[in-house]
Amino acid sequence: MSRRTTSDEERKLFEQTFKEGRPIKAAAPKKPVAKKTKSSGPSGINGATQERLRRGLMEPDARIDLHGMTQQAAHRTLRTWLVSAHKSGHRLVLVITGKGNPKNDENAPWMMSPHGVLKQMVPRWLNEAELAALIASVRPAHAKHGGDGALYVYLRKKP
C-alpha cells in the first residue's frame, strides 16, 4: 500500500487553515467531589441503620397518625410533635399520613378536591428549615409500619 501524495493546492489550503486556526482551550480540571465530613456522622444515618430501616427491623420510638386532620391542623401538630420528640431524645419516629384515596372514580364527591394531600405535604413540611434542622433522614416506612402511607423520620441526636 503506497502513500498518496498531496497536491500543491491541498498543501496551500492546509497551511492557510493552519494559520487561521485558534488553539483549543484546555479543559478545566474537574473539581473533586466533596466527601461527607465526620461532622455529619454523629447526627446522620449510617449504612447499617439504613439497611435495618429498609428491612423494617427497627421499631419506631414514637408514632403520630395524621389521618382525618386538616392540612393546617396536621402541619401544626406535626411541627410541635417532632420538636417534642427530638427534645425527648427519640431517634426514629413514624409519621402516618395515609395513602390518600386509591380509588379512581372521577365522579365521586371525594375526587372534587385533591386527595392524598397529607402524603404530598408532609415531606415538604419536613424540608422546612425549622424541622430540617432536627432531621437526619426521611424515608418511606416498611410495609409492617404502614408502607407507602407512612414515613420513617430519623431525628438527629440532641446537642
Protein backbone atom coordinates (compact mmCIF):
# COMPACT_ATOMS: atom_id res chain seq x y z
CA MET A 1 0.00 0.00 0.00
CA SER A 2 1.59 3.26 -1.09
CA ARG A 3 1.03 6.70 0.36
CA ARG A 4 -0.88 9.26 -1.61
CA THR A 5 1.00 12.47 -2.38
CA THR A 6 -0.63 15.78 -1.57
CA SER A 7 -1.11 18.30 -4.32
CA ASP A 8 0.13 21.89 -4.14
CA GLU A 9 -3.45 23.11 -3.86
CA GLU A 10 -4.10 20.82 -0.88
CA ARG A 11 -0.87 21.93 0.80
CA LYS A 12 -1.74 25.66 0.38
CA LEU A 13 -5.23 25.07 1.74
CA PHE A 14 -3.78 23.20 4.74
CA GLU A 15 -1.25 25.97 5.50
CA GLN A 16 -3.91 28.68 5.21
CA THR A 17 -6.29 26.81 7.51
CA PHE A 18 -3.46 26.05 9.94
CA LYS A 19 -2.52 29.76 10.17
CA GLU A 20 -6.13 30.82 10.81
CA GLY A 21 -6.75 28.15 13.41
CA ARG A 22 -7.09 29.05 17.05
CA PRO A 23 -5.65 26.88 19.79
CA ILE A 24 -8.14 24.64 21.56
CA LYS A 25 -8.86 25.77 25.07
CA ALA A 26 -7.54 23.32 27.61
CA ALA A 27 -10.33 21.66 29.55
CA ALA A 28 -10.61 22.92 33.11
CA PRO A 29 -9.64 20.25 35.60
CA LYS A 30 -12.65 18.70 37.30
CA LYS A 31 -13.15 19.68 40.89
CA PRO A 32 -13.01 16.69 43.21
CA VAL A 33 -16.36 15.68 44.68
CA ALA A 34 -16.54 16.66 48.32
CA LYS A 35 -16.98 13.68 50.59
CA LYS A 36 -19.19 13.81 53.63
CA THR A 37 -17.34 15.09 56.63
CA LYS A 38 -17.34 13.47 60.02
CA SER A 39 -19.40 16.37 61.33
CA SER A 40 -22.46 14.84 59.67
CA GLY A 41 -21.67 11.43 61.14
CA PRO A 42 -22.99 11.64 64.71
CA SER A 43 -26.32 13.15 63.71
CA GLY A 44 -26.64 11.41 60.34
CA ILE A 45 -27.66 7.90 59.44
CA ASN A 46 -25.12 5.22 58.60
CA GLY A 47 -25.40 2.36 56.13
CA ALA A 48 -26.23 -0.29 58.72
CA THR A 49 -29.07 1.82 60.11
CA GLN A 50 -30.39 2.49 56.59
CA GLU A 51 -30.43 -1.22 55.88
CA ARG A 52 -32.23 -2.03 59.15
CA LEU A 53 -34.84 0.62 58.32
CA ARG A 54 -35.28 -0.74 54.80
CA ARG A 55 -35.91 -4.22 56.19
CA GLY A 56 -38.25 -2.96 58.93
CA LEU A 57 -36.01 -4.30 61.69
CA MET A 58 -36.11 -1.13 63.79
CA GLU A 59 -39.14 -0.24 65.89
CA PRO A 60 -40.05 3.46 66.00
CA ASP A 61 -39.62 5.17 69.37
CA ALA A 62 -42.84 7.12 68.79
CA ARG A 63 -45.56 7.47 66.19
CA ILE A 64 -48.13 10.03 65.14
CA ASP A 65 -51.19 9.42 62.99
CA LEU A 66 -52.30 12.44 60.95
CA HIS A 67 -55.38 10.70 59.47
CA GLY A 68 -58.51 12.82 59.45
CA MET A 69 -56.72 16.09 60.21
CA THR A 70 -56.99 19.17 58.07
CA GLN A 71 -53.84 20.31 56.36
CA GLN A 72 -53.39 23.24 58.74
CA ALA A 73 -54.01 21.16 61.86
CA ALA A 74 -51.71 18.39 60.65
CA HIS A 75 -48.90 20.87 59.94
CA ARG A 76 -49.16 22.47 63.37
CA THR A 77 -49.43 19.09 65.12
CA LEU A 78 -46.50 17.59 63.21
CA ARG A 79 -44.25 20.56 63.96
CA THR A 80 -44.91 20.61 67.71
CA TRP A 81 -44.81 16.80 67.98
CA LEU A 82 -41.45 16.49 66.17
CA VAL A 83 -39.87 19.21 68.31
CA SER A 84 -41.16 17.42 71.41
CA ALA A 85 -39.93 14.01 70.15
CA HIS A 86 -36.48 15.47 69.49
CA LYS A 87 -36.34 17.02 72.97
CA SER A 88 -37.35 13.66 74.43
CA GLY A 89 -34.34 12.06 72.76
CA HIS A 90 -36.28 9.90 70.30
CA ARG A 91 -34.29 8.90 67.22
CA LEU A 92 -36.73 7.02 64.99
CA VAL A 93 -40.31 8.22 64.75
CA LEU A 94 -43.12 7.12 62.46
CA VAL A 95 -45.35 9.69 60.77
CA ILE A 96 -48.52 8.10 59.39
CA THR A 97 -50.04 10.15 56.58
CA GLY A 98 -52.28 7.60 54.91
CA LYS A 99 -52.13 6.74 51.24
CA GLY A 100 -54.90 9.03 50.08
CA ASN A 101 -57.85 7.65 48.17
CA PRO A 102 -56.62 4.95 45.80
CA LYS A 103 -59.98 4.67 44.02
CA ASN A 104 -60.04 6.14 40.56
CA ASP A 105 -63.71 7.15 40.36
CA GLU A 106 -63.74 10.55 38.64
CA ASN A 107 -67.40 11.25 39.52
CA ALA A 108 -67.10 10.51 43.23
CA PRO A 109 -67.61 13.50 45.54
CA TRP A 110 -64.22 12.99 47.22
CA MET A 111 -62.49 13.38 43.85
CA MET A 112 -63.62 17.01 43.59
CA SER A 113 -60.80 18.03 45.91
CA PRO A 114 -57.21 16.81 45.82
CA HIS A 115 -56.72 13.55 47.68
CA GLY A 116 -53.61 12.30 49.41
CA VAL A 117 -52.85 15.86 50.45
CA LEU A 118 -51.02 14.92 53.64
CA LYS A 119 -48.96 12.30 51.81
CA GLN A 120 -47.81 15.06 49.45
CA MET A 121 -47.39 17.83 52.00
CA VAL A 122 -45.65 16.08 54.92
CA PRO A 123 -42.34 15.60 53.03
CA ARG A 124 -42.44 19.30 52.12
CA TRP A 125 -43.03 20.29 55.71
CA LEU A 126 -40.16 18.09 56.85
CA ASN A 127 -37.87 20.02 54.49
CA GLU A 128 -38.75 23.38 56.06
CA ALA A 129 -35.80 24.94 57.88
CA GLU A 130 -37.24 24.57 61.40
CA LEU A 131 -37.83 20.82 61.03
CA ALA A 132 -34.94 20.02 58.68
CA ALA A 133 -32.53 21.07 61.43
CA LEU A 134 -33.88 18.25 63.61
CA ILE A 135 -33.97 15.54 60.95
CA ALA A 136 -31.16 13.27 59.77
CA SER A 137 -33.18 11.23 57.27
CA VAL A 138 -36.69 10.69 55.91
CA ARG A 139 -37.68 7.53 54.07
CA PRO A 140 -40.82 5.53 53.31
CA ALA A 141 -41.78 3.10 56.05
CA HIS A 142 -41.56 -0.68 55.77
CA ALA A 143 -44.83 -2.46 54.94
CA LYS A 144 -45.26 -3.64 58.54
CA HIS A 145 -45.21 0.00 59.69
CA GLY A 146 -47.57 1.36 57.05
CA GLY A 147 -45.56 1.20 53.82
CA ASP A 148 -46.42 3.99 51.39
CA GLY A 149 -48.82 5.54 53.88
CA ALA A 150 -46.14 6.31 56.46
CA LEU A 151 -42.66 7.79 56.75
CA TYR A 152 -39.72 6.95 58.96
CA VAL A 153 -38.22 10.16 60.29
CA TYR A 154 -34.78 9.61 61.78
CA LEU A 155 -34.02 12.50 64.14
CA ARG A 156 -30.60 13.95 64.87
CA LYS A 157 -29.02 13.47 68.26
CA LYS A 158 -29.66 16.18 70.81
CA PRO A 159 -26.73 18.62 71.02
